[in-house]
Protein backbone atom coordinates (compact mmCIF):
# COMPACT_ATOMS: atom_id res chain seq x y z
CA MET A 1 97.00 123.40 53.90
CA THR A 2 96.86 127.22 55.07
CA LEU A 3 99.41 128.87 57.54
CA PHE A 4 96.37 128.89 59.64
CA ARG A 5 96.01 125.20 60.20
CA VAL A 6 99.90 124.47 60.16
CA GLY A 7 99.80 127.03 63.03
CA ILE A 8 97.25 125.31 64.91
CA LEU A 9 98.83 121.84 64.69
CA VAL A 10 101.85 123.04 65.49
CA VAL A 11 100.58 124.63 68.88
CA LEU A 12 98.83 121.42 69.39
CA ALA A 13 101.99 119.49 68.97
CA ILE A 14 103.65 121.66 71.57
CA SER A 15 101.15 121.56 74.09
CA GLY A 16 101.56 117.49 73.71
CA VAL A 17 97.51 116.90 72.98
CA ASN A 18 97.09 113.45 72.43
CA PHE A 19 94.44 113.19 69.86
CA ALA A 20 94.63 109.28 70.73
CA ASN A 21 92.72 110.28 73.71
CA ALA A 22 90.51 112.82 72.49
CA ALA A 23 87.79 109.65 71.96
CA GLN A 24 88.31 108.56 75.60
CA GLN A 25 85.33 107.99 77.91
CA CYS A 26 86.17 108.56 81.71
CA LYS A 27 84.60 106.40 84.24
CA PRO A 28 84.89 107.83 88.27
CA VAL A 29 86.04 104.43 90.56
CA VAL A 30 86.01 103.92 94.07
CA GLY A 31 86.44 100.78 96.24
CA SER A 32 88.93 98.64 97.94
CA PHE A 33 91.90 96.10 97.94
CA GLU A 34 93.41 93.65 99.56
CA ALA A 35 96.46 91.27 99.24
CA THR A 36 99.32 89.24 100.26
CA VAL A 37 103.06 89.63 100.10
CA GLN A 38 104.23 86.84 97.83
CA PRO A 39 107.46 84.66 98.32
CA PRO A 40 110.63 86.16 97.40
CA ASP A 41 111.40 83.48 94.76
CA THR A 42 108.27 84.17 92.71
CA CYS A 43 109.24 88.12 92.66
CA SER A 44 111.28 89.99 90.44
CA GLY A 45 111.79 92.94 92.76
CA PRO A 46 112.00 93.68 96.01
CA LEU A 47 108.54 93.31 97.02
CA CYS A 48 105.49 91.63 95.13
CA THR A 49 101.67 91.25 96.31
CA ALA A 50 99.13 89.62 94.63
CA GLY A 51 95.23 89.93 95.67
CA ARG A 52 91.56 91.27 94.57
CA VAL A 53 90.23 94.56 94.09
CA TRP A 54 86.63 95.47 94.08
CA GLY A 55 84.31 98.37 93.73
CA GLY A 56 84.62 100.56 90.41
CA VAL A 57 87.64 98.44 89.55
CA GLN A 58 86.74 94.32 89.88
CA GLY A 59 89.15 91.55 89.43
CA ASN A 60 92.59 90.37 90.76
CA TYR A 61 95.77 92.27 90.56
CA GLN A 62 99.38 91.48 90.92
CA PHE A 63 101.96 94.37 92.05
CA THR A 64 105.88 94.31 91.47
CA MET A 65 108.03 96.99 93.54
CA ASN A 66 110.81 98.14 90.91
CA LYS A 67 112.76 100.49 93.42
CA ILE A 68 112.43 101.56 96.96
CA ILE A 69 114.51 104.66 97.80
CA PRO A 70 115.17 106.02 101.17
CA ASN A 71 113.54 109.38 101.78
CA GLY A 72 116.43 111.43 102.85
CA GLU A 73 115.01 112.52 106.33
CA GLN A 74 116.72 111.55 109.46
CA GLU A 75 113.66 112.30 111.53
CA VAL A 76 111.59 109.53 109.71
CA PRO A 77 114.17 107.05 108.55
CA THR A 78 111.57 104.08 108.06
CA ILE A 79 109.58 106.06 105.30
CA MET A 80 110.53 104.94 101.68
CA PHE A 81 109.80 106.10 98.40
CA PHE A 82 108.83 103.45 95.58
CA THR A 83 108.02 102.41 92.03
CA GLY A 84 106.65 99.38 90.90
CA HIS A 85 104.03 98.03 88.09
CA SER A 86 100.68 96.45 88.62
CA ILE A 87 98.34 94.30 86.21
CA VAL A 88 94.73 94.03 86.96
CA SER A 89 92.98 90.99 85.53
CA LEU A 90 89.24 92.24 85.32
CA LYS A 91 86.50 89.64 85.51
CA ASN A 92 85.46 89.92 81.98
CA GLY A 93 89.40 88.56 81.29
CA ASP A 94 90.72 92.08 80.19
CA GLN A 95 93.77 93.11 81.85
CA LEU A 96 94.69 96.99 82.94
CA PHE A 97 98.37 98.03 83.51
CA GLY A 98 99.58 100.49 85.48
CA THR A 99 102.76 101.99 86.99
CA ASP A 100 102.80 102.66 90.68
CA THR A 101 104.57 105.66 92.46
CA GLY A 102 104.12 106.11 96.36
CA THR A 103 105.61 106.26 99.82
CA ILE A 104 105.44 103.21 102.55
CA ASP A 105 106.46 103.39 105.98
CA LEU A 106 107.85 100.16 106.87
CA PRO A 107 108.63 98.13 110.28
CA PRO A 108 109.20 99.18 112.59
CA GLY A 109 107.27 102.15 111.44
CA LYS A 110 103.44 102.38 111.31
CA ALA A 111 103.07 100.61 108.00
CA GLY A 112 100.55 102.90 106.07
CA PHE A 113 101.44 103.57 102.29
CA ALA A 114 99.76 106.08 99.77
CA SER A 115 100.12 105.05 96.08
CA LEU A 116 99.40 106.60 92.89
CA ILE A 117 98.91 104.22 89.93
CA THR A 118 98.57 105.90 86.73
CA PHE A 119 97.08 103.30 84.24
CA THR A 120 99.00 102.90 80.84
CA GLY A 121 97.04 100.84 78.68
CA GLY A 122 96.02 96.96 79.07
CA THR A 123 94.12 94.34 77.00
CA GLY A 124 90.97 94.03 75.16
CA ALA A 125 88.88 97.08 75.91
CA MET A 126 91.78 98.26 78.16
CA ALA A 127 93.98 98.52 75.17
CA ASN A 128 94.64 102.26 75.26
CA ALA A 129 93.34 102.85 78.98
CA THR A 130 94.45 106.08 80.98
CA GLY A 131 93.64 107.70 83.96
CA GLN A 132 94.67 107.51 87.78
CA ILE A 133 93.81 105.85 91.12
CA ARG A 134 95.27 106.80 94.42
CA LEU A 135 95.23 104.37 96.84
CA ARG A 136 95.93 104.31 100.87
CA GLY A 137 96.27 101.44 102.78
CA GLU A 138 98.24 99.73 105.41
CA PHE A 139 100.88 96.98 105.47
CA ASN A 140 100.57 94.17 108.26
CA PRO A 141 104.24 92.67 107.93
CA THR A 142 103.32 90.13 110.61
CA GLU A 143 100.47 88.65 108.29
CA GLY A 144 102.00 89.42 105.23
CA THR A 145 99.03 91.39 103.86
CA THR A 146 97.83 94.89 102.82
CA SER A 147 94.50 96.34 102.32
CA GLY A 148 92.79 99.81 101.89
CA ASP A 149 91.11 101.87 99.58
CA TYR A 150 91.09 103.66 96.02
CA ILE A 151 89.56 106.62 94.39
CA GLY A 152 89.96 107.91 90.84
CA GLU A 153 89.13 107.52 87.36
CA VAL A 154 89.71 105.09 84.39
CA CYS A 155 89.12 106.36 81.05
CA THR A 156 88.76 103.72 78.01
CA SER A 157 88.08 104.44 74.12
CA GLN A 158 84.65 104.73 73.46
């Protein structure tokens, strides 16, 4: 191998180029979701929801909040940061896995939330999925529901 080729490989390795994602095709997705809060005895975190998603991504999903962290600002004490994981069971039987990060305004606040889901693989055609969707929504603590919309992209191997 020439010194030039070795140098290029070193530059690519340092820059974080992921050769596995080089052959991926990305598709823009837009849609909506709705879910219900799951009973505490079926939830492994502080909050779990399950529901459906439609539009560019279609199927059923489950979300488990892993952590909830105060924001540190006295002026808005009801707003919390959270992390969690989602599993979307697509209509064709494949699953899409995601890591969630976001902010929620818990009651007695306004109950809005915003989240970024980063896709981390899945099953079947989604095994190497990447991409992100941005969600915004409302949490209704009285009814135990969430609903909202999303926009982003899902990238899969060709």
